[in-house]
């Protein structure tokens, strides 16, 4: 087992524990519940096996669902953004992604923030659409997506800054 796989496993377990033990119990204003486990999809290495990535994403979502009692909604949203991660990266990072000649830490702060925002908005849109499952409540869906995305983005960006390998 190489060093990179150990880091992936540690991040996987720590993000599950943080989400289940800390962030699932936070409810700002009664409905803003940050979902920081999305950082696993942000931090996952670019050059790793895509099938393993999709399976780990499903497992991540399923474990969160088991502890949150949410009937596979987290799993569906997590696998969806894991599948859409490559086109999002191609959109944000451009030609660098095509040749996979970069590391996420080497990109600009704006690119990282844009990529993280796309991941979070896509995840929350899928999650809350499946949770509410009614287009007559589209205003509520948008409200939850926007406010929860903002809370998640702030916490994820703080986690990213806290656990970043580069020291500024």
N, C-alpha and C. Protein backbone atom coordinates (compact mmCIF):
# COMPACT_ATOMS: atom_id res chain seq x y z
N UNK A 1 0.85 -1.17 0.00
CA UNK A 1 0.00 0.00 0.00
C UNK A 1 0.90 1.24 0.00
N UNK A 2 0.71 2.09 -0.97
CA UNK A 2 1.59 3.26 -1.04
C UNK A 2 1.08 4.39 -0.14
N UNK A 3 1.91 5.38 -0.01
CA UNK A 3 1.64 6.51 0.89
C UNK A 3 0.39 7.29 0.49
N UNK A 4 0.17 7.44 -0.82
CA UNK A 4 -0.99 8.18 -1.31
C UNK A 4 -2.29 7.49 -0.91
N UNK A 5 -2.33 6.15 -1.00
CA UNK A 5 -3.53 5.41 -0.62
C UNK A 5 -3.82 5.52 0.87
N UNK A 6 -2.76 5.61 1.67
CA UNK A 6 -2.95 5.78 3.11
C UNK A 6 -3.58 7.14 3.40
N UNK A 7 -3.10 8.19 2.72
CA UNK A 7 -3.70 9.53 2.88
C UNK A 7 -5.16 9.54 2.46
N UNK A 8 -5.46 8.86 1.37
CA UNK A 8 -6.86 8.79 0.89
C UNK A 8 -7.73 8.11 1.94
N UNK A 9 -7.26 7.01 2.50
CA UNK A 9 -8.03 6.28 3.51
C UNK A 9 -8.23 7.09 4.78
N UNK A 10 -7.19 7.78 5.21
CA UNK A 10 -7.30 8.60 6.42
C UNK A 10 -8.29 9.74 6.20
N UNK A 11 -8.20 10.40 5.06
CA UNK A 11 -9.14 11.49 4.77
C UNK A 11 -10.57 10.97 4.69
N UNK A 12 -10.74 9.82 4.07
CA UNK A 12 -12.06 9.19 3.94
C UNK A 12 -12.68 8.98 5.32
N UNK A 13 -11.94 8.36 6.20
CA UNK A 13 -12.45 8.04 7.54
C UNK A 13 -12.67 9.31 8.37
N UNK A 14 -11.72 10.23 8.33
CA UNK A 14 -11.85 11.46 9.12
C UNK A 14 -13.02 12.33 8.65
N UNK A 15 -13.24 12.40 7.34
CA UNK A 15 -14.37 13.20 6.85
C UNK A 15 -15.70 12.55 7.21
N UNK A 16 -15.77 11.24 7.18
CA UNK A 16 -17.00 10.56 7.62
C UNK A 16 -17.24 10.85 9.10
N UNK A 17 -16.21 10.69 9.92
CA UNK A 17 -16.37 10.95 11.36
C UNK A 17 -16.75 12.40 11.64
N UNK A 18 -16.11 13.33 10.95
CA UNK A 18 -16.44 14.75 11.15
C UNK A 18 -17.88 15.03 10.76
N UNK A 19 -18.30 14.48 9.63
CA UNK A 19 -19.67 14.73 9.17
C UNK A 19 -20.69 14.13 10.13
N UNK A 20 -20.47 12.88 10.50
CA UNK A 20 -21.44 12.17 11.32
C UNK A 20 -21.47 12.68 12.76
N UNK A 21 -20.31 12.92 13.33
CA UNK A 21 -20.25 13.28 14.75
C UNK A 21 -20.41 14.77 15.02
N UNK A 22 -20.02 15.60 14.07
CA UNK A 22 -20.05 17.05 14.32
C UNK A 22 -21.08 17.75 13.43
N UNK A 23 -20.89 17.66 12.13
CA UNK A 23 -21.65 18.51 11.21
C UNK A 23 -23.10 18.07 10.99
N UNK A 24 -23.43 16.81 11.20
CA UNK A 24 -24.83 16.40 11.10
C UNK A 24 -25.67 17.01 12.21
N UNK A 25 -25.04 17.37 13.32
CA UNK A 25 -25.77 17.94 14.45
C UNK A 25 -25.85 19.46 14.39
N UNK A 26 -25.17 20.07 13.45
CA UNK A 26 -25.25 21.53 13.30
C UNK A 26 -26.41 21.88 12.38
N UNK A 27 -27.27 22.72 12.85
CA UNK A 27 -28.38 23.22 12.04
C UNK A 27 -28.49 24.71 12.28
N UNK A 28 -27.86 25.48 11.41
CA UNK A 28 -27.95 26.93 11.52
C UNK A 28 -29.30 27.37 10.97
N UNK A 29 -30.00 28.18 11.72
CA UNK A 29 -31.32 28.70 11.34
C UNK A 29 -32.33 27.58 11.07
N UNK A 30 -32.09 26.40 11.60
CA UNK A 30 -33.04 25.31 11.49
C UNK A 30 -32.93 24.46 10.25
N UNK A 31 -32.18 24.90 9.22
CA UNK A 31 -32.12 24.08 8.01
C UNK A 31 -30.78 24.11 7.29
N UNK A 32 -29.84 24.93 7.71
CA UNK A 32 -28.53 24.97 7.07
C UNK A 32 -27.65 23.93 7.76
N UNK A 33 -27.40 22.84 7.06
CA UNK A 33 -26.62 21.73 7.59
C UNK A 33 -25.40 21.50 6.69
N UNK A 34 -24.21 21.97 7.09
CA UNK A 34 -23.03 21.85 6.22
C UNK A 34 -22.66 20.40 5.95
N UNK A 35 -22.25 20.14 4.73
CA UNK A 35 -21.87 18.79 4.30
C UNK A 35 -20.40 18.81 3.86
N UNK A 36 -19.52 18.72 4.83
CA UNK A 36 -18.09 18.86 4.55
C UNK A 36 -17.46 17.59 3.96
N UNK A 37 -18.17 16.48 3.96
CA UNK A 37 -17.61 15.26 3.39
C UNK A 37 -17.35 15.39 1.89
N UNK A 38 -17.90 16.42 1.29
CA UNK A 38 -17.65 16.69 -0.14
C UNK A 38 -16.17 16.95 -0.39
N UNK A 39 -15.45 17.35 0.64
CA UNK A 39 -14.02 17.61 0.48
C UNK A 39 -13.26 16.37 0.03
N UNK A 40 -13.78 15.19 0.29
CA UNK A 40 -13.13 13.97 -0.21
C UNK A 40 -13.07 14.01 -1.74
N UNK A 41 -14.13 14.45 -2.37
CA UNK A 41 -14.17 14.52 -3.83
C UNK A 41 -13.29 15.64 -4.36
N UNK A 42 -13.10 16.66 -3.56
CA UNK A 42 -12.21 17.76 -3.94
C UNK A 42 -10.75 17.32 -3.83
N UNK A 43 -10.41 16.60 -2.76
CA UNK A 43 -9.02 16.22 -2.50
C UNK A 43 -8.57 14.96 -3.23
N UNK A 44 -9.49 14.17 -3.75
CA UNK A 44 -9.10 12.89 -4.36
C UNK A 44 -8.14 13.15 -5.52
N UNK A 45 -7.04 12.40 -5.60
CA UNK A 45 -6.03 12.64 -6.65
C UNK A 45 -6.60 12.50 -8.06
N UNK A 46 -6.09 13.29 -8.95
CA UNK A 46 -6.59 13.35 -10.32
C UNK A 46 -6.24 12.10 -11.11
N UNK A 47 -5.06 11.57 -10.90
CA UNK A 47 -4.56 10.47 -11.72
C UNK A 47 -4.97 9.08 -11.21
N UNK A 48 -5.72 9.00 -10.15
CA UNK A 48 -6.11 7.71 -9.60
C UNK A 48 -7.21 7.06 -10.45
N UNK A 49 -7.42 5.78 -10.23
CA UNK A 49 -8.39 4.98 -10.98
C UNK A 49 -9.81 5.53 -10.79
N UNK A 50 -10.50 5.79 -11.90
CA UNK A 50 -11.83 6.39 -11.86
C UNK A 50 -12.88 5.44 -11.28
N UNK A 51 -12.77 4.15 -11.56
CA UNK A 51 -13.73 3.18 -11.03
C UNK A 51 -13.63 3.10 -9.51
N UNK A 52 -12.43 3.09 -9.00
CA UNK A 52 -12.22 3.08 -7.55
C UNK A 52 -12.78 4.36 -6.94
N UNK A 53 -12.58 5.48 -7.63
CA UNK A 53 -13.10 6.76 -7.16
C UNK A 53 -14.62 6.74 -7.08
N UNK A 54 -15.28 6.21 -8.10
CA UNK A 54 -16.75 6.13 -8.08
C UNK A 54 -17.23 5.19 -6.97
N UNK A 55 -16.55 4.08 -6.77
CA UNK A 55 -16.93 3.15 -5.70
C UNK A 55 -16.73 3.77 -4.32
N UNK A 56 -15.61 4.45 -4.13
CA UNK A 56 -15.38 5.13 -2.85
C UNK A 56 -16.39 6.24 -2.61
N UNK A 57 -16.78 6.94 -3.67
CA UNK A 57 -17.78 8.00 -3.55
C UNK A 57 -19.13 7.42 -3.14
N UNK A 58 -19.48 6.29 -3.75
CA UNK A 58 -20.72 5.62 -3.37
C UNK A 58 -20.68 5.17 -1.92
N UNK A 59 -19.57 4.57 -1.53
CA UNK A 59 -19.41 4.11 -0.15
C UNK A 59 -19.47 5.27 0.84
N UNK A 60 -18.83 6.38 0.47
CA UNK A 60 -18.87 7.57 1.31
C UNK A 60 -20.31 8.05 1.51
N UNK A 61 -21.04 8.19 0.42
CA UNK A 61 -22.43 8.63 0.51
C UNK A 61 -23.30 7.65 1.26
N UNK A 62 -23.06 6.36 1.05
CA UNK A 62 -23.87 5.34 1.72
C UNK A 62 -23.64 5.34 3.23
N UNK A 63 -22.39 5.48 3.65
CA UNK A 63 -22.09 5.53 5.09
C UNK A 63 -22.73 6.76 5.72
N UNK A 64 -22.66 7.90 5.04
CA UNK A 64 -23.31 9.11 5.55
C UNK A 64 -24.82 8.90 5.62
N UNK A 65 -25.39 8.24 4.61
CA UNK A 65 -26.82 7.94 4.62
C UNK A 65 -27.22 7.04 5.78
N UNK A 66 -26.41 6.05 6.06
CA UNK A 66 -26.72 5.13 7.16
C UNK A 66 -26.78 5.89 8.48
N UNK A 67 -25.81 6.77 8.70
CA UNK A 67 -25.79 7.51 9.96
C UNK A 67 -26.78 8.67 9.99
N UNK A 68 -27.18 9.15 8.82
CA UNK A 68 -28.11 10.29 8.76
C UNK A 68 -29.55 9.86 8.54
N UNK A 69 -29.76 8.58 8.24
CA UNK A 69 -31.10 8.04 7.97
C UNK A 69 -31.78 8.80 6.83
N UNK A 70 -31.10 8.88 5.68
CA UNK A 70 -31.61 9.67 4.56
C UNK A 70 -31.91 8.87 3.29
N UNK A 71 -32.01 7.57 3.37
CA UNK A 71 -32.48 6.73 2.27
C UNK A 71 -31.70 6.91 0.97
N UNK A 72 -30.40 6.86 1.02
CA UNK A 72 -29.51 6.86 -0.15
C UNK A 72 -29.48 8.17 -0.94
N UNK A 73 -29.94 9.25 -0.35
CA UNK A 73 -29.89 10.54 -1.05
C UNK A 73 -28.45 11.05 -1.11
N UNK A 74 -27.71 10.90 -0.04
CA UNK A 74 -26.31 11.31 -0.05
C UNK A 74 -25.52 10.48 -1.06
N UNK A 75 -25.79 9.19 -1.12
CA UNK A 75 -25.08 8.32 -2.06
C UNK A 75 -25.36 8.73 -3.50
N UNK A 76 -26.60 9.03 -3.81
CA UNK A 76 -26.95 9.45 -5.17
C UNK A 76 -26.28 10.76 -5.54
N UNK A 77 -26.31 11.71 -4.64
CA UNK A 77 -25.69 13.01 -4.93
C UNK A 77 -24.18 12.90 -5.02
N UNK A 78 -23.58 12.09 -4.16
CA UNK A 78 -22.13 11.95 -4.15
C UNK A 78 -21.63 11.23 -5.40
N UNK A 79 -22.29 10.17 -5.79
CA UNK A 79 -21.89 9.46 -7.02
C UNK A 79 -22.10 10.36 -8.23
N UNK A 80 -23.14 11.14 -8.24
CA UNK A 80 -23.40 12.06 -9.37
C UNK A 80 -22.28 13.07 -9.53
N UNK A 81 -21.85 13.68 -8.44
CA UNK A 81 -20.77 14.67 -8.59
C UNK A 81 -19.42 13.99 -8.82
N UNK A 82 -19.27 12.76 -8.35
CA UNK A 82 -18.03 12.02 -8.66
C UNK A 82 -17.96 11.75 -10.16
N UNK A 83 -19.10 11.41 -10.74
CA UNK A 83 -19.15 11.17 -12.18
C UNK A 83 -18.93 12.46 -12.97
N UNK A 84 -19.46 13.56 -12.48
CA UNK A 84 -19.35 14.86 -13.17
C UNK A 84 -18.06 15.60 -12.83
N UNK A 85 -17.23 15.04 -11.99
CA UNK A 85 -16.00 15.73 -11.56
C UNK A 85 -15.06 15.99 -12.73
N UNK A 86 -14.90 15.05 -13.62
CA UNK A 86 -13.98 15.23 -14.76
C UNK A 86 -14.41 16.40 -15.66
N UNK A 87 -15.68 16.48 -16.08
CA UNK A 87 -16.08 17.66 -16.88
C UNK A 87 -15.95 18.97 -16.12
N UNK A 88 -16.21 18.95 -14.82
CA UNK A 88 -16.04 20.17 -14.02
C UNK A 88 -14.57 20.59 -13.99
N UNK A 89 -13.69 19.63 -13.82
CA UNK A 89 -12.26 19.94 -13.80
C UNK A 89 -11.79 20.44 -15.16
N UNK A 90 -12.31 19.85 -16.21
CA UNK A 90 -11.96 20.30 -17.56
C UNK A 90 -12.42 21.74 -17.77
N UNK A 91 -13.59 22.08 -17.24
CA UNK A 91 -14.12 23.42 -17.37
C UNK A 91 -13.29 24.43 -16.56
N UNK A 92 -12.93 24.07 -15.34
CA UNK A 92 -12.23 25.00 -14.46
C UNK A 92 -10.75 25.10 -14.79
N UNK A 93 -10.10 23.96 -15.00
CA UNK A 93 -8.65 23.95 -15.15
C UNK A 93 -8.18 23.93 -16.60
N UNK A 94 -9.09 23.71 -17.53
CA UNK A 94 -8.76 23.80 -18.96
C UNK A 94 -7.75 22.79 -19.43
N UNK A 95 -6.79 23.26 -20.21
CA UNK A 95 -5.83 22.40 -20.87
C UNK A 95 -4.95 21.64 -19.88
N UNK A 96 -4.73 22.19 -18.71
CA UNK A 96 -3.94 21.49 -17.70
C UNK A 96 -4.58 20.16 -17.32
N UNK A 97 -5.91 20.13 -17.25
CA UNK A 97 -6.58 18.89 -16.89
C UNK A 97 -6.44 17.86 -18.00
N UNK A 98 -6.51 18.30 -19.24
CA UNK A 98 -6.42 17.37 -20.37
C UNK A 98 -5.14 16.54 -20.32
N UNK A 99 -4.05 17.17 -19.96
CA UNK A 99 -2.77 16.47 -19.91
C UNK A 99 -2.45 15.97 -18.50
N UNK A 100 -3.33 16.25 -17.56
CA UNK A 100 -3.15 15.88 -16.16
C UNK A 100 -1.74 16.23 -15.70
N UNK A 101 -1.32 17.43 -16.10
CA UNK A 101 0.04 17.86 -15.81
C UNK A 101 0.10 18.80 -14.61
N UNK A 102 -0.84 18.69 -13.71
CA UNK A 102 -0.87 19.61 -12.58
C UNK A 102 -1.36 18.89 -11.34
N UNK A 103 -1.14 19.54 -10.22
CA UNK A 103 -1.70 19.10 -8.95
C UNK A 103 -2.64 20.20 -8.48
N UNK A 104 -3.63 19.84 -7.73
CA UNK A 104 -4.62 20.81 -7.27
C UNK A 104 -3.96 21.92 -6.47
N UNK A 105 -2.91 21.60 -5.72
CA UNK A 105 -2.23 22.60 -4.91
C UNK A 105 -1.50 23.63 -5.77
N UNK A 106 -1.20 23.27 -7.02
CA UNK A 106 -0.46 24.17 -7.91
C UNK A 106 -1.37 25.16 -8.64
N UNK A 107 -2.67 24.99 -8.53
CA UNK A 107 -3.59 25.88 -9.22
C UNK A 107 -3.85 27.12 -8.39
N UNK A 108 -4.44 28.11 -9.02
CA UNK A 108 -4.70 29.36 -8.31
C UNK A 108 -5.85 29.19 -7.31
N UNK A 109 -5.90 30.10 -6.36
CA UNK A 109 -6.94 30.08 -5.34
C UNK A 109 -8.33 30.24 -5.98
N UNK A 110 -8.40 31.07 -7.02
CA UNK A 110 -9.68 31.29 -7.71
C UNK A 110 -10.15 30.01 -8.39
N UNK A 111 -9.24 29.29 -9.02
CA UNK A 111 -9.61 28.03 -9.66
C UNK A 111 -10.07 27.01 -8.64
N UNK A 112 -9.37 26.92 -7.53
CA UNK A 112 -9.78 25.98 -6.48
C UNK A 112 -11.14 26.35 -5.91
N UNK A 113 -11.36 27.62 -5.67
CA UNK A 113 -12.65 28.08 -5.14
C UNK A 113 -13.77 27.82 -6.15
N UNK A 114 -13.51 28.05 -7.42
CA UNK A 114 -14.51 27.79 -8.47
C UNK A 114 -14.84 26.31 -8.54
N UNK A 115 -13.83 25.47 -8.51
CA UNK A 115 -14.05 24.02 -8.56
C UNK A 115 -14.83 23.54 -7.35
N UNK A 116 -14.45 23.99 -6.17
CA UNK A 116 -15.15 23.61 -4.94
C UNK A 116 -16.60 24.09 -4.96
N UNK A 117 -16.81 25.30 -5.44
CA UNK A 117 -18.17 25.84 -5.54
C UNK A 117 -19.02 25.02 -6.50
N UNK A 118 -18.47 24.64 -7.64
CA UNK A 118 -19.22 23.79 -8.59
C UNK A 118 -19.58 22.45 -7.98
N UNK A 119 -18.63 21.83 -7.28
CA UNK A 119 -18.92 20.56 -6.62
C UNK A 119 -20.05 20.70 -5.61
N UNK A 120 -19.96 21.72 -4.79
CA UNK A 120 -20.95 21.91 -3.72
C UNK A 120 -22.32 22.25 -4.29
N UNK A 121 -22.39 23.18 -5.24
CA UNK A 121 -23.68 23.55 -5.82
C UNK A 121 -24.35 22.37 -6.53
N UNK A 122 -23.56 21.61 -7.26
CA UNK A 122 -24.13 20.44 -7.96
C UNK A 122 -24.62 19.41 -6.95
N UNK A 123 -23.81 19.12 -5.95
CA UNK A 123 -24.20 18.15 -4.94
C UNK A 123 -25.48 18.58 -4.23
N UNK A 124 -25.53 19.81 -3.79
CA UNK A 124 -26.69 20.27 -3.03
C UNK A 124 -27.95 20.36 -3.90
N UNK A 125 -27.79 20.72 -5.15
CA UNK A 125 -28.95 20.75 -6.04
C UNK A 125 -29.54 19.36 -6.20
N UNK A 126 -28.69 18.37 -6.43
CA UNK A 126 -29.17 16.99 -6.55
C UNK A 126 -29.75 16.52 -5.22
N UNK A 127 -29.04 16.77 -4.14
CA UNK A 127 -29.48 16.31 -2.82
C UNK A 127 -30.84 16.87 -2.44
N UNK A 128 -31.01 18.18 -2.51
CA UNK A 128 -32.27 18.79 -2.07
C UNK A 128 -33.41 18.54 -3.04
N UNK A 129 -33.10 18.37 -4.31
CA UNK A 129 -34.15 18.01 -5.26
C UNK A 129 -34.69 16.62 -4.94
N UNK A 130 -33.80 15.69 -4.63
CA UNK A 130 -34.24 14.34 -4.25
C UNK A 130 -34.91 14.33 -2.88
N UNK A 131 -34.43 15.15 -1.97
CA UNK A 131 -35.01 15.18 -0.63
C UNK A 131 -36.44 15.72 -0.64
N UNK A 132 -36.65 16.84 -1.32
CA UNK A 132 -37.97 17.47 -1.33
C UNK A 132 -38.85 16.84 -2.40
N UNK A 133 -38.28 16.53 -3.55
CA UNK A 133 -38.91 15.80 -4.65
C UNK A 133 -40.27 16.38 -5.05
N UNK A 134 -40.30 17.69 -5.20
CA UNK A 134 -41.52 18.36 -5.63
C UNK A 134 -41.15 19.68 -6.29
N UNK A 135 -41.52 19.82 -7.55
CA UNK A 135 -41.22 21.07 -8.24
C UNK A 135 -42.12 22.21 -7.78
N UNK A 136 -43.18 21.89 -7.08
CA UNK A 136 -44.02 22.96 -6.53
C UNK A 136 -43.33 23.66 -5.36
N UNK A 137 -42.29 23.03 -4.84
CA UNK A 137 -41.51 23.63 -3.76
C UNK A 137 -40.13 24.07 -4.27
N UNK A 138 -40.06 24.51 -5.51
CA UNK A 138 -38.77 24.87 -6.10
C UNK A 138 -38.14 26.07 -5.38
N UNK A 139 -38.94 26.95 -4.84
CA UNK A 139 -38.40 28.07 -4.06
C UNK A 139 -37.68 27.59 -2.82
N UNK A 140 -38.26 26.62 -2.13
CA UNK A 140 -37.64 26.04 -0.95
C UNK A 140 -36.36 25.30 -1.32
N UNK A 141 -36.39 24.59 -2.45
CA UNK A 141 -35.20 23.88 -2.91
C UNK A 141 -34.07 24.87 -3.17
N UNK A 142 -34.36 25.96 -3.88
CA UNK A 142 -33.33 26.95 -4.19
C UNK A 142 -32.80 27.63 -2.92
N UNK A 143 -33.70 27.90 -1.99
CA UNK A 143 -33.29 28.53 -0.73
C UNK A 143 -32.34 27.61 0.03
N UNK A 144 -32.70 26.33 0.14
CA UNK A 144 -31.86 25.39 0.84
C UNK A 144 -30.52 25.19 0.11
N UNK A 145 -30.57 25.10 -1.22
CA UNK A 145 -29.34 24.92 -1.99
C UNK A 145 -28.41 26.10 -1.78
N UNK A 146 -28.90 27.29 -1.92
CA UNK A 146 -28.04 28.48 -1.83
C UNK A 146 -27.47 28.67 -0.42
N UNK A 147 -28.32 28.60 0.59
CA UNK A 147 -27.85 28.87 1.95
C UNK A 147 -26.97 27.75 2.50
N UNK A 148 -27.36 26.50 2.23
CA UNK A 148 -26.53 25.39 2.68
C UNK A 148 -25.21 25.34 1.92
N UNK A 149 -25.24 25.69 0.63
CA UNK A 149 -24.01 25.73 -0.16
C UNK A 149 -23.06 26.79 0.37
N UNK A 150 -23.60 27.92 0.76
CA UNK A 150 -22.77 28.98 1.31
C UNK A 150 -22.10 28.52 2.61
N UNK A 151 -22.87 27.92 3.51
CA UNK A 151 -22.32 27.42 4.76
C UNK A 151 -21.29 26.31 4.52
N UNK A 152 -21.60 25.41 3.61
CA UNK A 152 -20.67 24.32 3.29
C UNK A 152 -19.40 24.86 2.67
N UNK A 153 -19.53 25.84 1.77
CA UNK A 153 -18.37 26.41 1.10
C UNK A 153 -17.43 27.08 2.09
N UNK A 154 -17.99 27.81 3.01
CA UNK A 154 -17.15 28.49 4.02
C UNK A 154 -16.40 27.46 4.86
N UNK A 155 -17.09 26.44 5.35
CA UNK A 155 -16.44 25.43 6.18
C UNK A 155 -15.43 24.60 5.39
N UNK A 156 -15.77 24.26 4.15
CA UNK A 156 -14.84 23.49 3.31
C UNK A 156 -13.60 24.30 2.98
N UNK A 157 -13.78 25.58 2.72
CA UNK A 157 -12.63 26.42 2.42
C UNK A 157 -11.73 26.56 3.65
N UNK A 158 -12.34 26.65 4.82
CA UNK A 158 -11.55 26.68 6.06
C UNK A 158 -10.79 25.37 6.27
N UNK A 159 -11.45 24.24 6.01
CA UNK A 159 -10.78 22.94 6.10
C UNK A 159 -9.65 22.83 5.10
N UNK A 160 -9.88 23.32 3.90
CA UNK A 160 -8.87 23.30 2.86
C UNK A 160 -7.65 24.11 3.27
N UNK A 161 -7.89 25.27 3.85
CA UNK A 161 -6.77 26.11 4.31
C UNK A 161 -6.06 25.47 5.50
N UNK A 162 -6.82 24.82 6.37
CA UNK A 162 -6.24 24.22 7.56
C UNK A 162 -5.37 23.02 7.22
N UNK A 163 -5.79 22.20 6.27
CA UNK A 163 -5.08 20.96 5.94
C UNK A 163 -4.30 21.03 4.64
N UNK A 164 -4.06 22.21 4.15
CA UNK A 164 -3.30 22.38 2.92
C UNK A 164 -1.84 22.02 3.17
N UNK A 165 -1.22 21.39 2.19
CA UNK A 165 0.19 21.00 2.31
C UNK A 165 1.11 22.21 2.14
N UNK A 166 0.69 23.17 1.34
CA UNK A 166 1.54 24.33 1.11
C UNK A 166 1.37 25.32 2.26
N UNK A 167 2.45 25.92 2.64
CA UNK A 167 2.42 26.93 3.70
C UNK A 167 2.69 28.28 3.07
N UNK A 168 1.75 29.20 3.28
CA UNK A 168 1.87 30.51 2.64
C UNK A 168 2.47 31.52 3.59
